[in-house]
C-alpha atoms as a PDB file:
ATOM      1  CA  UNK A   1     -90.758  95.092  47.087  1.00  0.00           C
ATOM      2  CA  UNK A   2     -90.189  97.803  44.577  1.00  0.00           C
ATOM      3  CA  UNK A   3     -89.287  97.759  41.073  1.00  0.00           C
ATOM      4  CA  UNK A   4     -85.476  98.690  40.464  1.00  0.00           C
ATOM      5  CA  UNK A   5     -85.059 102.200  38.533  1.00  0.00           C
ATOM      6  CA  UNK A   6     -84.627 102.699  34.963  1.00  0.00           C
ATOM      7  CA  UNK A   7     -81.718 102.242  33.021  1.00  0.00           C
ATOM      8  CA  UNK A   8     -82.354 105.716  31.230  1.00  0.00           C
ATOM      9  CA  UNK A   9     -82.363 107.590  34.690  1.00  0.00           C
ATOM     10  CA  UNK A  10     -79.219 105.591  36.199  1.00  0.00           C
ATOM     11  CA  UNK A  11     -77.293 106.427  32.573  1.00  0.00           C
ATOM     12  CA  UNK A  12     -78.070 110.065  33.269  1.00  0.00           C
ATOM     13  CA  UNK A  13     -77.202 110.331  36.901  1.00  0.00           C
ATOM     14  CA  UNK A  14     -74.280 108.620  36.574  1.00  0.00           C
ATOM     15  CA  UNK A  15     -73.298 110.617  32.854  1.00  0.00           C
ATOM     16  CA  UNK A  16     -73.695 113.821  34.607  1.00  0.00           C
ATOM     17  CA  UNK A  17     -71.396 113.177  37.676  1.00  0.00           C
ATOM     18  CA  UNK A  18     -68.370 112.080  34.873  1.00  0.00           C
ATOM     19  CA  UNK A  19     -68.657 114.813  33.338  1.00  0.00           C
ATOM     20  CA  UNK A  20     -68.109 117.076  36.399  1.00  0.00           C
ATOM     21  CA  UNK A  21     -70.978 117.335  38.227  1.00  0.00           C
ATOM     22  CA  UNK A  22     -71.153 117.045  41.864  1.00  0.00           C
ATOM     23  CA  UNK A  23     -72.338 113.865  43.273  1.00  0.00           C
ATOM     24  CA  UNK A  24     -74.817 115.397  45.611  1.00  0.00           C
ATOM     25  CA  UNK A  25     -75.803 118.286  43.422  1.00  0.00           C
ATOM     26  CA  UNK A  26     -76.235 115.400  40.689  1.00  0.00           C
ATOM     27  CA  UNK A  27     -78.799 113.634  43.281  1.00  0.00           C
ATOM     28  CA  UNK A  28     -80.545 116.582  44.105  1.00  0.00           C
ATOM     29  CA  UNK A  29     -81.487 117.210  40.374  1.00  0.00           C
ATOM     30  CA  UNK A  30     -82.229 113.977  39.827  1.00  0.00           C
ATOM     31  CA  UNK A  31     -84.645 113.083  43.105  1.00  0.00           C
ATOM     32  CA  UNK A  32     -82.610 110.380  44.384  1.00  0.00           C
ATOM     33  CA  UNK A  33     -80.586 110.248  47.533  1.00  0.00           C
ATOM     34  CA  UNK A  34     -76.870 110.585  47.516  1.00  0.00           C
ATOM     35  CA  UNK A  35     -75.781 106.469  48.718  1.00  0.00           C
ATOM     36  CA  UNK A  36     -77.948 105.194  45.700  1.00  0.00           C
ATOM     37  CA  UNK A  37     -75.861 107.110  43.348  1.00  0.00           C
ATOM     38  CA  UNK A  38     -72.423 106.237  44.680  1.00  0.00           C
ATOM     39  CA  UNK A  39     -74.057 102.533  44.589  1.00  0.00           C
ATOM     40  CA  UNK A  40     -74.777 103.067  40.909  1.00  0.00           C
ATOM     41  CA  UNK A  41     -70.981 104.981  40.312  1.00  0.00           C
ATOM     42  CA  UNK A  42     -69.389 101.895  42.497  1.00  0.00           C
ATOM     43  CA  UNK A  43     -70.990  99.410  40.006  1.00  0.00           C
ATOM     44  CA  UNK A  44     -70.279 101.320  36.262  1.00  0.00           C
ATOM     45  CA  UNK A  45     -66.981 101.219  37.826  1.00  0.00           C
ATOM     46  CA  UNK A  46     -67.189  97.517  38.118  1.00  0.00           C
ATOM     47  CA  UNK A  47     -69.066  96.958  35.558  1.00  0.00           C
ATOM     48  CA  UNK A  48     -68.958  98.960  32.782  1.00  0.00           C
ATOM     49  CA  UNK A  49     -73.133  99.076  32.921  1.00  0.00           C
ATOM     50  CA  UNK A  50     -75.428 100.638  35.088  1.00  0.00           C
ATOM     51  CA  UNK A  51     -78.276  98.224  34.684  1.00  0.00           C
ATOM     52  CA  UNK A  52     -79.534  96.485  37.777  1.00  0.00           C
ATOM     53  CA  UNK A  53     -78.510  93.505  39.179  1.00  0.00           C
ATOM     54  CA  UNK A  54     -80.207  89.902  39.843  1.00  0.00           C
ATOM     55  CA  UNK A  55     -83.457  89.810  41.834  1.00  0.00           C
ATOM     56  CA  UNK A  56     -84.549  87.123  43.421  1.00  0.00           C
ATOM     57  CA  UNK A  57     -82.411  83.678  42.557  1.00  0.00           C
ATOM     58  CA  UNK A  58     -81.280  80.461  44.296  1.00  0.00           C
ATOM     59  CA  UNK A  59     -82.204  80.039  48.322  1.00  0.00           C
ATOM     60  CA  UNK A  60     -80.425  77.394  50.297  1.00  0.00           C
ATOM     61  CA  UNK A  61     -82.867  74.756  52.058  1.00  0.00           C
ATOM     62  CA  UNK A  62     -83.497  75.665  55.177  1.00  0.00           C
ATOM     63  CA  UNK A  63     -83.633  71.437  56.531  1.00  0.00           C
ATOM     64  CA  UNK A  64     -80.529  69.181  56.367  1.00  0.00           C
ATOM     65  CA  UNK A  65     -80.908  66.752  53.565  1.00  0.00           C
ATOM     66  CA  UNK A  66     -81.084  64.035  55.736  1.00  0.00           C
ATOM     67  CA  UNK A  67     -84.203  65.287  57.345  1.00  0.00           C
ATOM     68  CA  UNK A  68     -85.179  65.382  53.406  1.00  0.00           C
ATOM     69  CA  UNK A  69     -84.896  62.094  53.043  1.00  0.00           C
ATOM     70  CA  UNK A  70     -86.323  60.848  56.376  1.00  0.00           C
ATOM     71  CA  UNK A  71     -89.592  63.162  55.359  1.00  0.00           C
ATOM     72  CA  UNK A  72     -89.438  61.732  51.804  1.00  0.00           C
ATOM     73  CA  UNK A  73     -89.452  57.681  53.274  1.00  0.00           C
ATOM     74  CA  UNK A  74     -92.239  59.315  55.784  1.00  0.00           C
ATOM     75  CA  UNK A  75     -94.406  60.252  52.684  1.00  0.00           C
ATOM     76  CA  UNK A  76     -93.876  57.464  50.355  1.00  0.00           C
ATOM     77  CA  UNK A  77     -94.094  54.238  52.734  1.00  0.00           C
ATOM     78  CA  UNK A  78     -96.137  55.542  55.216  1.00  0.00           C
ATOM     79  CA  UNK A  79     -93.907  54.632  58.531  1.00  0.00           C
ATOM     80  CA  UNK A  80     -91.831  57.237  60.083  1.00  0.00           C
ATOM     81  CA  UNK A  81     -88.394  56.821  60.935  1.00  0.00           C
ATOM     82  CA  UNK A  82     -88.768  59.047  63.673  1.00  0.00           C
ATOM     83  CA  UNK A  83     -91.754  56.667  64.998  1.00  0.00           C
ATOM     84  CA  UNK A  84     -89.678  53.844  64.799  1.00  0.00           C
ATOM     85  CA  UNK A  85     -86.697  55.228  66.928  1.00  0.00           C
ATOM     86  CA  UNK A  86     -87.935  56.864  69.887  1.00  0.00           C
END
């Protein structure tokens, strides 16, 4: 995963568009894709900031809680529920 572009660049690009330069010419001048510029403008209008969003974060569990508790029982007592049921 790549690092986010600097806030300085983001502020300069958004400032250029807000001062009247077209999106395409600003993107070409700063060497970024137009779609990136559009996303930065949307973020600026929604939050007032051009900073990047949070990277990473919480991931939901893949297994259901009942399966997780069964595995805990298997590890502690060395007797597995799945073996007893089968």
